[in-house]
C-alpha atoms as a PDB file:
ATOM      1  CA  MET A   1      89.120  34.330  51.407  1.00  0.00           C
ATOM      2  CA  GLU A   2      88.927  32.698  47.985  1.00  0.00           C
ATOM      3  CA  LEU A   3      89.176  29.281  49.615  1.00  0.00           C
ATOM      4  CA  LEU A   4      86.257  30.124  51.902  1.00  0.00           C
ATOM      5  CA  ASP A   5      84.213  31.300  48.923  1.00  0.00           C
ATOM      6  CA  THR A   6      85.079  28.107  47.052  1.00  0.00           C
ATOM      7  CA  ALA A   7      84.195  25.981  50.080  1.00  0.00           C
ATOM      8  CA  SER A   8      80.853  27.755  50.575  1.00  0.00           C
ATOM      9  CA  MET A   9      80.041  27.410  46.849  1.00  0.00           C
ATOM     10  CA  PHE A  10      80.897  23.704  47.003  1.00  0.00           C
ATOM     11  CA  GLN A  11      78.699  23.317  50.087  1.00  0.00           C
ATOM     12  CA  LYS A  12      75.799  25.096  48.354  1.00  0.00           C
ATOM     13  CA  TRP A  13      76.237  22.917  45.275  1.00  0.00           C
ATOM     14  CA  GLN A  14      76.311  19.791  47.434  1.00  0.00           C
ATOM     15  CA  GLN A  15      73.137  20.834  49.299  1.00  0.00           C
ATOM     16  CA  TYR A  16      71.460  21.670  46.008  1.00  0.00           C
ATOM     17  CA  THR A  17      72.248  18.258  44.500  1.00  0.00           C
ATOM     18  CA  ILE A  18      71.092  16.466  47.661  1.00  0.00           C
ATOM     19  CA  ALA A  19      67.856  18.494  47.665  1.00  0.00           C
ATOM     20  CA  GLU A  20      67.262  17.755  43.956  1.00  0.00           C
ATOM     21  CA  ARG A  21      67.789  14.025  44.492  1.00  0.00           C
ATOM     22  CA  GLU A  22      65.417  14.063  47.448  1.00  0.00           C
ATOM     23  CA  LYS A  23      62.805  15.992  45.455  1.00  0.00           C
ATOM     24  CA  GLU A  24      63.071  13.530  42.565  1.00  0.00           C
ATOM     25  CA  ARG A  25      62.815  10.553  44.928  1.00  0.00           C
ATOM     26  CA  ARG A  26      59.731  12.026  46.590  1.00  0.00           C
ATOM     27  CA  SER A  27      58.041  12.770  43.269  1.00  0.00           C
ATOM     28  CA  LYS A  28      58.639   9.189  42.086  1.00  0.00           C
ATOM     29  CA  LYS A  29      57.312   7.839  45.366  1.00  0.00           C
ATOM     30  CA  HIS A  30      54.278  10.126  45.224  1.00  0.00           C
ATOM     31  CA  GLY A  31      53.600   9.179  41.603  1.00  0.00           C
ATOM     32  CA  SER A  32      53.720   5.476  42.363  1.00  0.00           C
ATOM     33  CA  GLN A  33      51.496   5.955  45.422  1.00  0.00           C
ATOM     34  CA  THR A  34      48.997   7.922  43.342  1.00  0.00           C
ATOM     35  CA  LEU A  35      48.972   5.228  40.679  1.00  0.00           C
ATOM     36  CA  GLY A  36      48.501   2.604  43.388  1.00  0.00           C
ATOM     37  CA  LEU A  37      45.586   4.546  44.878  1.00  0.00           C
ATOM     38  CA  ILE A  38      43.927   4.905  41.478  1.00  0.00           C
ATOM     39  CA  LEU A  39      44.228   1.181  40.791  1.00  0.00           C
ATOM     40  CA  ASP A  40      43.030   0.373  44.306  1.00  0.00           C
ATOM     41  CA  ARG A  41      39.959   2.577  43.846  1.00  0.00           C
ATOM     42  CA  LEU A  42      39.199   0.978  40.484  1.00  0.00           C
ATOM     43  CA  ILE A  43      39.448  -2.502  41.979  1.00  0.00           C
ATOM     44  CA  LYS A  44      37.287  -1.534  44.957  1.00  0.00           C
ATOM     45  CA  ARG A  45      34.699   0.090  42.697  1.00  0.00           C
ATOM     46  CA  ARG A  46      34.606  -2.969  40.432  1.00  0.00           C
ATOM     47  CA  LEU A  47      34.286  -5.278  43.435  1.00  0.00           C
ATOM     48  CA  ALA A  48      31.492  -3.146  44.905  1.00  0.00           C
ATOM     49  CA  SER A  49      29.679  -3.144  41.553  1.00  0.00           C
ATOM     50  CA  THR A  50      29.961  -6.917  41.298  1.00  0.00           C
ATOM     51  CA  LEU A  51      28.691  -7.422  44.849  1.00  0.00           C
ATOM     52  CA  HIS A  52      25.822  -5.016  44.192  1.00  0.00           C
ATOM     53  CA  SER A  53      24.757  -6.879  41.041  1.00  0.00           C
ATOM     54  CA  LEU A  54      24.996 -10.209  42.876  1.00  0.00           C
ATOM     55  CA  ARG A  55      22.866  -8.807  45.701  1.00  0.00           C
ATOM     56  CA  ASN A  56      20.281  -7.593  43.192  1.00  0.00           C
ATOM     57  CA  ARG A  57      20.254 -10.957  41.448  1.00  0.00           C
ATOM     58  CA  THR A  58      19.710 -12.819  44.713  1.00  0.00           C
ATOM     59  CA  GLN A  59      16.955 -10.396  45.717  1.00  0.00           C
ATOM     60  CA  LYS A  60      15.252 -10.971  42.369  1.00  0.00           C
ATOM     61  CA  LYS A  61      15.612 -14.724  42.814  1.00  0.00           C
ATOM     62  CA  ASP A  62      14.215 -14.515  46.359  1.00  0.00           C
ATOM     63  CA  PHE A  63      11.338 -12.396  45.072  1.00  0.00           C
ATOM     64  CA  LYS A  64      10.579 -15.011  42.405  1.00  0.00           C
ATOM     65  CA  THR A  65      10.634 -17.878  44.902  1.00  0.00           C
ATOM     66  CA  ASN A  66       8.478 -15.935  47.375  1.00  0.00           C
ATOM     67  CA  TYR A  67       6.046 -15.039  44.580  1.00  0.00           C
ATOM     68  CA  LEU A  68       5.817 -18.654  43.466  1.00  0.00           C
ATOM     69  CA  LYS A  69       5.333 -19.795  47.068  1.00  0.00           C
ATOM     70  CA  ARG A  70       2.529 -17.256  47.630  1.00  0.00           C
ATOM     71  CA  MET A  71       0.896 -18.190  44.335  1.00  0.00           C
ATOM     72  CA  LEU A  72       1.046 -21.894  45.202  1.00  0.00           C
ATOM     73  CA  GLN A  73      -0.437 -21.260  48.662  1.00  0.00           C
ATOM     74  CA  HIS A  74      -3.181 -19.126  47.157  1.00  0.00           C
ATOM     75  CA  CYS A  75      -4.028 -21.721  44.518  1.00  0.00           C
ATOM     76  CA  ALA A  76      -3.974 -24.528  47.094  1.00  0.00           C
ATOM     77  CA  SER A  77      -6.284 -22.652  49.461  1.00  0.00           C
ATOM     78  CA  TYR A  78      -8.589 -21.719  46.570  1.00  0.00           C
ATOM     79  CA  ARG A  79      -8.803 -25.319  45.332  1.00  0.00           C
ATOM     80  CA  ALA A  80      -9.326 -26.607  48.881  1.00  0.00           C
ATOM     81  CA  ARG A  81     -12.202 -24.150  49.409  1.00  0.00           C
ATOM     82  CA  TYR A  82     -13.652 -25.065  46.013  1.00  0.00           C
ATOM     83  CA  TYR A  83     -13.418 -28.787  46.778  1.00  0.00           C
ATOM     84  CA  PHE A  84     -14.896 -28.525  50.274  1.00  0.00           C
ATOM     85  CA  ASN A  85     -17.632 -26.181  49.096  1.00  0.00           C
ATOM     86  CA  ARG A  86     -18.637 -28.706  46.441  1.00  0.00           C
ATOM     87  CA  TRP A  87     -18.443 -31.493  48.996  1.00  0.00           C
ATOM     88  CA  HIS A  88     -20.547 -29.422  51.408  1.00  0.00           C
ATOM     89  CA  HIS A  89     -23.274 -28.973  48.805  1.00  0.00           C
END
């Protein structure tokens, strides 16, 4: 009977140590995954911010070029009308 008690206690101790090792392994794995996710989010957020600022810069540049093109067309049409009106008179 004592041998059975000793064997069952040894079995419980063995299961306990295996469970503790597994729990520790899972917590380390979870911690590293969480850290990886945090870094991944930071990188993605930084990349998205950079792309957004680049998009805004190109839109501003396009706006400037379109504005200059419209202004040039307006000035050219105005000067052409002015010239032909003077020529007409």
